[in-house]
């Protein structure tokens, strides 16, 4: 990926100054912000309900490195993206949704190592097998994603959209905080 300017709203996982963080990307005025709850940095106007945002300029590989970002990955967020996800990364939680369970009691696991296309999943404190990313997917394992929190279910809507929905003029609309 050349930069993150086209990734507004996408989920990510990375390390900021070696501190693990996950959240969502916000693009404002051609500047990319990593919105998350771990590290305070430059302020984005809208942080998707997260406490902090961290500026990474254009979000290019060089910008990420200059802003002390490592291990950056985009994570899938829609059901279709999750279903087709095969790009296992260290720290990804996996679950056998259908197919062949690798060993007894190993329905849920975690990727603990990746080198090229090879990954090592850990199940019940054991990591007895090495797979290719595609092989693990073919065995029925999928990304195990936590549901969105209430603050991430926020819907953005414009004044024009509200006025149109209620059939009134935008000039007559007054929003009050409850």
C-alpha atoms as a PDB file:
ATOM      1  CA  UNK A   1       0.000   0.000   0.000  1.00  0.00           C
ATOM      2  CA  UNK A   2       1.400   3.359  -1.019  1.00  0.00           C
ATOM      3  CA  UNK A   3      -0.298   5.343   1.768  1.00  0.00           C
ATOM      4  CA  UNK A   4      -3.315   5.318   4.066  1.00  0.00           C
ATOM      5  CA  UNK A   5      -5.113   8.359   2.614  1.00  0.00           C
ATOM      6  CA  UNK A   6      -7.819   6.094   1.128  1.00  0.00           C
ATOM      7  CA  UNK A   7      -8.359   4.168   4.383  1.00  0.00           C
ATOM      8  CA  UNK A   8     -10.596   6.508   6.395  1.00  0.00           C
ATOM      9  CA  UNK A   9     -12.521   4.450   8.944  1.00  0.00           C
ATOM     10  CA  UNK A  10     -10.514   1.240   8.465  1.00  0.00           C
ATOM     11  CA  UNK A  11      -9.394  -0.697  11.520  1.00  0.00           C
ATOM     12  CA  UNK A  12      -5.699  -1.146  12.240  1.00  0.00           C
ATOM     13  CA  UNK A  13      -3.308  -2.699  14.712  1.00  0.00           C
ATOM     14  CA  UNK A  14       0.263  -1.509  15.316  1.00  0.00           C
ATOM     15  CA  UNK A  15       2.845  -0.444  17.867  1.00  0.00           C
ATOM     16  CA  UNK A  16       3.304   3.264  18.611  1.00  0.00           C
ATOM     17  CA  UNK A  17       6.671   3.829  20.306  1.00  0.00           C
ATOM     18  CA  UNK A  18       6.631   0.053  20.987  1.00  0.00           C
ATOM     19  CA  UNK A  19       3.241   0.318  22.767  1.00  0.00           C
ATOM     20  CA  UNK A  20       0.616  -1.993  21.205  1.00  0.00           C
ATOM     21  CA  UNK A  21      -2.410  -0.087  19.913  1.00  0.00           C
ATOM     22  CA  UNK A  22      -5.479  -0.785  17.843  1.00  0.00           C
ATOM     23  CA  UNK A  23      -8.186   1.487  16.561  1.00  0.00           C
ATOM     24  CA  UNK A  24      -9.412   3.209  13.426  1.00  0.00           C
ATOM     25  CA  UNK A  25      -7.851   5.457  10.810  1.00  0.00           C
ATOM     26  CA  UNK A  26      -9.133   9.021  10.386  1.00  0.00           C
ATOM     27  CA  UNK A  27      -8.176  11.095   7.329  1.00  0.00           C
ATOM     28  CA  UNK A  28      -8.629  14.864   7.695  1.00  0.00           C
ATOM     29  CA  UNK A  29      -7.197  17.512   5.361  1.00  0.00           C
ATOM     30  CA  UNK A  30      -4.900  14.946   3.669  1.00  0.00           C
ATOM     31  CA  UNK A  31      -3.414  13.959   7.015  1.00  0.00           C
ATOM     32  CA  UNK A  32      -3.744  10.448   8.439  1.00  0.00           C
ATOM     33  CA  UNK A  33      -4.433   9.941  12.144  1.00  0.00           C
ATOM     34  CA  UNK A  34      -4.362   6.679  14.060  1.00  0.00           C
ATOM     35  CA  UNK A  35      -7.251   6.955  16.532  1.00  0.00           C
ATOM     36  CA  UNK A  36      -6.740   4.701  19.564  1.00  0.00           C
ATOM     37  CA  UNK A  37      -6.685   4.652  23.379  1.00  0.00           C
ATOM     38  CA  UNK A  38      -2.957   4.195  24.051  1.00  0.00           C
ATOM     39  CA  UNK A  39      -0.825   7.152  22.912  1.00  0.00           C
ATOM     40  CA  UNK A  40      -1.651  10.862  22.867  1.00  0.00           C
ATOM     41  CA  UNK A  41      -0.425  12.815  19.854  1.00  0.00           C
ATOM     42  CA  UNK A  42      -1.709  15.316  17.292  1.00  0.00           C
ATOM     43  CA  UNK A  43      -5.455  15.890  17.624  1.00  0.00           C
ATOM     44  CA  UNK A  44      -7.856  14.741  14.918  1.00  0.00           C
ATOM     45  CA  UNK A  45     -11.216  16.515  14.939  1.00  0.00           C
ATOM     46  CA  UNK A  46     -13.128  13.222  14.975  1.00  0.00           C
ATOM     47  CA  UNK A  47     -11.507  10.274  16.759  1.00  0.00           C
ATOM     48  CA  UNK A  48     -14.353   7.712  16.366  1.00  0.00           C
ATOM     49  CA  UNK A  49     -14.867   7.811  20.140  1.00  0.00           C
ATOM     50  CA  UNK A  50     -11.263   6.931  20.971  1.00  0.00           C
ATOM     51  CA  UNK A  51      -9.347   9.015  23.539  1.00  0.00           C
ATOM     52  CA  UNK A  52      -6.286   9.800  21.398  1.00  0.00           C
ATOM     53  CA  UNK A  53      -5.069  10.265  17.846  1.00  0.00           C
ATOM     54  CA  UNK A  54      -1.533  10.024  16.436  1.00  0.00           C
ATOM     55  CA  UNK A  55      -0.580  11.789  13.208  1.00  0.00           C
ATOM     56  CA  UNK A  56       1.330   9.831  10.565  1.00  0.00           C
ATOM     57  CA  UNK A  57       1.257  12.419   7.708  1.00  0.00           C
ATOM     58  CA  UNK A  58       0.291  10.552   4.502  1.00  0.00           C
ATOM     59  CA  UNK A  59       0.509   7.158   6.175  1.00  0.00           C
ATOM     60  CA  UNK A  60       3.238   5.974   3.785  1.00  0.00           C
ATOM     61  CA  UNK A  61       5.736   3.367   5.016  1.00  0.00           C
ATOM     62  CA  UNK A  62       8.271   6.157   5.457  1.00  0.00           C
ATOM     63  CA  UNK A  63       5.807   8.329   7.403  1.00  0.00           C
ATOM     64  CA  UNK A  64       4.897   5.425   9.658  1.00  0.00           C
ATOM     65  CA  UNK A  65       8.576   4.783  10.446  1.00  0.00           C
ATOM     66  CA  UNK A  66       9.294   8.506  11.034  1.00  0.00           C
ATOM     67  CA  UNK A  67       6.374   8.647  13.478  1.00  0.00           C
ATOM     68  CA  UNK A  68       7.567   5.606  15.454  1.00  0.00           C
ATOM     69  CA  UNK A  69       4.962   3.166  14.089  1.00  0.00           C
ATOM     70  CA  UNK A  70       5.914  -0.491  13.723  1.00  0.00           C
ATOM     71  CA  UNK A  71       4.085  -3.764  13.022  1.00  0.00           C
ATOM     72  CA  UNK A  72       1.281  -1.856  11.280  1.00  0.00           C
ATOM     73  CA  UNK A  73      -1.529  -3.880   9.698  1.00  0.00           C
ATOM     74  CA  UNK A  74      -5.020  -3.073   8.490  1.00  0.00           C
ATOM     75  CA  UNK A  75      -7.543  -5.412  10.041  1.00  0.00           C
ATOM     76  CA  UNK A  76     -10.784  -6.451   8.405  1.00  0.00           C
ATOM     77  CA  UNK A  77     -13.974  -5.016   9.818  1.00  0.00           C
ATOM     78  CA  UNK A  78     -16.883  -6.103   7.634  1.00  0.00           C
ATOM     79  CA  UNK A  79     -18.283  -9.662   7.702  1.00  0.00           C
ATOM     80  CA  UNK A  80     -17.108 -10.221   4.110  1.00  0.00           C
ATOM     81  CA  UNK A  81     -13.579  -8.983   4.884  1.00  0.00           C
ATOM     82  CA  UNK A  82     -13.390 -11.180   7.981  1.00  0.00           C
ATOM     83  CA  UNK A  83     -14.634 -14.230   6.095  1.00  0.00           C
ATOM     84  CA  UNK A  84     -12.063 -13.853   3.316  1.00  0.00           C
ATOM     85  CA  UNK A  85      -9.137 -12.862   5.591  1.00  0.00           C
ATOM     86  CA  UNK A  86      -6.091 -15.074   5.044  1.00  0.00           C
ATOM     87  CA  UNK A  87      -3.279 -12.645   5.851  1.00  0.00           C
ATOM     88  CA  UNK A  88      -2.605 -14.007   9.345  1.00  0.00           C
ATOM     89  CA  UNK A  89      -0.371 -11.794  11.494  1.00  0.00           C
ATOM     90  CA  UNK A  90       1.263 -12.354  14.872  1.00  0.00           C
ATOM     91  CA  UNK A  91      -1.348 -11.682  17.542  1.00  0.00           C
ATOM     92  CA  UNK A  92      -4.357 -12.544  15.364  1.00  0.00           C
ATOM     93  CA  UNK A  93      -6.959 -14.627  17.168  1.00  0.00           C
ATOM     94  CA  UNK A  94      -8.297 -17.535  15.098  1.00  0.00           C
ATOM     95  CA  UNK A  95     -11.334 -19.745  15.472  1.00  0.00           C
ATOM     96  CA  UNK A  96     -12.318 -22.903  13.591  1.00  0.00           C
ATOM     97  CA  UNK A  97     -15.684 -21.889  12.147  1.00  0.00           C
ATOM     98  CA  UNK A  98     -16.077 -25.007  10.036  1.00  0.00           C
ATOM     99  CA  UNK A  99     -13.849 -27.748   8.755  1.00  0.00           C
ATOM    100  CA  UNK A 100     -11.018 -29.591  10.428  1.00  0.00           C
ATOM    101  CA  UNK A 101     -10.118 -28.777  14.032  1.00  0.00           C
ATOM    102  CA  UNK A 102      -6.346 -29.118  14.218  1.00  0.00           C
ATOM    103  CA  UNK A 103      -6.160 -30.970  17.523  1.00  0.00           C
ATOM    104  CA  UNK A 104      -8.525 -31.703  20.428  1.00  0.00           C
ATOM    105  CA  UNK A 105      -9.779 -28.587  22.237  1.00  0.00           C
ATOM    106  CA  UNK A 106      -8.207 -26.312  19.637  1.00  0.00           C
ATOM    107  CA  UNK A 107     -11.238 -24.444  18.402  1.00  0.00           C
ATOM    108  CA  UNK A 108      -9.647 -21.090  19.381  1.00  0.00           C
ATOM    109  CA  UNK A 109      -6.006 -20.102  19.026  1.00  0.00           C
ATOM    110  CA  UNK A 110      -3.579 -17.282  18.356  1.00  0.00           C
ATOM    111  CA  UNK A 111      -0.937 -16.754  15.664  1.00  0.00           C
ATOM    112  CA  UNK A 112       2.408 -16.553  17.469  1.00  0.00           C
ATOM    113  CA  UNK A 113       4.859 -16.563  14.553  1.00  0.00           C
ATOM    114  CA  UNK A 114       4.916 -15.646  10.888  1.00  0.00           C
ATOM    115  CA  UNK A 115       7.679 -15.885   8.318  1.00  0.00           C
ATOM    116  CA  UNK A 116       6.676 -15.203   4.725  1.00  0.00           C
ATOM    117  CA  UNK A 117       3.653 -17.424   4.065  1.00  0.00           C
ATOM    118  CA  UNK A 118       4.316 -19.684   7.063  1.00  0.00           C
ATOM    119  CA  UNK A 119       2.391 -19.190  10.306  1.00  0.00           C
ATOM    120  CA  UNK A 120       2.437 -20.955  13.666  1.00  0.00           C
ATOM    121  CA  UNK A 121      -0.823 -20.976  15.602  1.00  0.00           C
ATOM    122  CA  UNK A 122      -0.835 -21.653  19.353  1.00  0.00           C
ATOM    123  CA  UNK A 123      -3.659 -23.712  20.854  1.00  0.00           C
ATOM    124  CA  UNK A 124      -3.928 -24.371  24.606  1.00  0.00           C
ATOM    125  CA  UNK A 125      -0.325 -23.234  25.187  1.00  0.00           C
ATOM    126  CA  UNK A 126       0.950 -25.566  22.442  1.00  0.00           C
ATOM    127  CA  UNK A 127       2.246 -24.724  18.990  1.00  0.00           C
ATOM    128  CA  UNK A 128       2.762 -28.127  17.370  1.00  0.00           C
ATOM    129  CA  UNK A 129       2.106 -27.222  13.715  1.00  0.00           C
ATOM    130  CA  UNK A 130       3.323 -24.918  10.975  1.00  0.00           C
ATOM    131  CA  UNK A 131       0.924 -23.949   8.188  1.00  0.00           C
ATOM    132  CA  UNK A 132       0.832 -21.718   5.178  1.00  0.00           C
ATOM    133  CA  UNK A 133      -1.701 -18.886   5.492  1.00  0.00           C
ATOM    134  CA  UNK A 134      -3.901 -20.519   2.844  1.00  0.00           C
ATOM    135  CA  UNK A 135      -3.679 -23.973   4.449  1.00  0.00           C
ATOM    136  CA  UNK A 136      -4.932 -22.673   7.800  1.00  0.00           C
ATOM    137  CA  UNK A 137      -7.792 -20.934   5.982  1.00  0.00           C
ATOM    138  CA  UNK A 138      -8.695 -24.107   4.041  1.00  0.00           C
ATOM    139  CA  UNK A 139      -8.914 -26.019   7.336  1.00  0.00           C
ATOM    140  CA  UNK A 140     -11.796 -23.724   8.308  1.00  0.00           C
ATOM    141  CA  UNK A 141      -9.986 -21.232  10.539  1.00  0.00           C
ATOM    142  CA  UNK A 142     -11.140 -17.632  10.375  1.00  0.00           C
ATOM    143  CA  UNK A 143     -10.218 -14.410  12.091  1.00  0.00           C
ATOM    144  CA  UNK A 144     -11.872 -14.266  15.523  1.00  0.00           C
ATOM    145  CA  UNK A 145     -13.023 -10.656  15.869  1.00  0.00           C
ATOM    146  CA  UNK A 146     -14.606  -9.036  18.900  1.00  0.00           C
ATOM    147  CA  UNK A 147     -17.898  -7.269  18.180  1.00  0.00           C
ATOM    148  CA  UNK A 148     -17.861  -3.490  17.879  1.00  0.00           C
ATOM    149  CA  UNK A 149     -18.149  -1.613  21.151  1.00  0.00           C
ATOM    150  CA  UNK A 150     -21.082   0.759  21.619  1.00  0.00           C
ATOM    151  CA  UNK A 151     -18.897   3.820  20.985  1.00  0.00           C
ATOM    152  CA  UNK A 152     -17.744   2.366  17.653  1.00  0.00           C
ATOM    153  CA  UNK A 153     -21.347   1.910  16.512  1.00  0.00           C
ATOM    154  CA  UNK A 154     -21.725   5.689  16.257  1.00  0.00           C
ATOM    155  CA  UNK A 155     -23.386   6.826  13.050  1.00  0.00           C
ATOM    156  CA  UNK A 156     -22.321  10.068  11.398  1.00  0.00           C
ATOM    157  CA  UNK A 157     -25.124  12.039   9.762  1.00  0.00           C
ATOM    158  CA  UNK A 158     -25.167  15.521   8.267  1.00  0.00           C
ATOM    159  CA  UNK A 159     -27.590  18.324   9.097  1.00  0.00           C
ATOM    160  CA  UNK A 160     -28.900  18.100   5.521  1.00  0.00           C
ATOM    161  CA  UNK A 161     -29.677  14.393   5.967  1.00  0.00           C
ATOM    162  CA  UNK A 162     -31.513  15.028   9.256  1.00  0.00           C
ATOM    163  CA  UNK A 163     -33.532  17.884   7.763  1.00  0.00           C
ATOM    164  CA  UNK A 164     -34.445  15.774   4.726  1.00  0.00           C
ATOM    165  CA  UNK A 165     -35.481  12.821   6.896  1.00  0.00           C
ATOM    166  CA  UNK A 166     -37.786  15.007   8.994  1.00  0.00           C
ATOM    167  CA  UNK A 167     -39.029  16.993   6.016  1.00  0.00           C
ATOM    168  CA  UNK A 168     -37.998  20.390   7.351  1.00  0.00           C
ATOM    169  CA  UNK A 169     -35.709  23.154   6.206  1.00  0.00           C
ATOM    170  CA  UNK A 170     -32.109  22.979   7.379  1.00  0.00           C
ATOM    171  CA  UNK A 171     -32.539  26.548   8.661  1.00  0.00           C
ATOM    172  CA  UNK A 172     -35.323  25.380  11.007  1.00  0.00           C
ATOM    173  CA  UNK A 173     -33.211  22.586  12.457  1.00  0.00           C
ATOM    174  CA  UNK A 174     -31.724  23.044  15.917  1.00  0.00           C
ATOM    175  CA  UNK A 175     -29.770  20.230  17.563  1.00  0.00           C
ATOM    176  CA  UNK A 176     -29.681  20.064  21.337  1.00  0.00           C
ATOM    177  CA  UNK A 177     -27.588  17.842  23.529  1.00  0.00           C
ATOM    178  CA  UNK A 178     -29.657  15.667  25.842  1.00  0.00           C
END
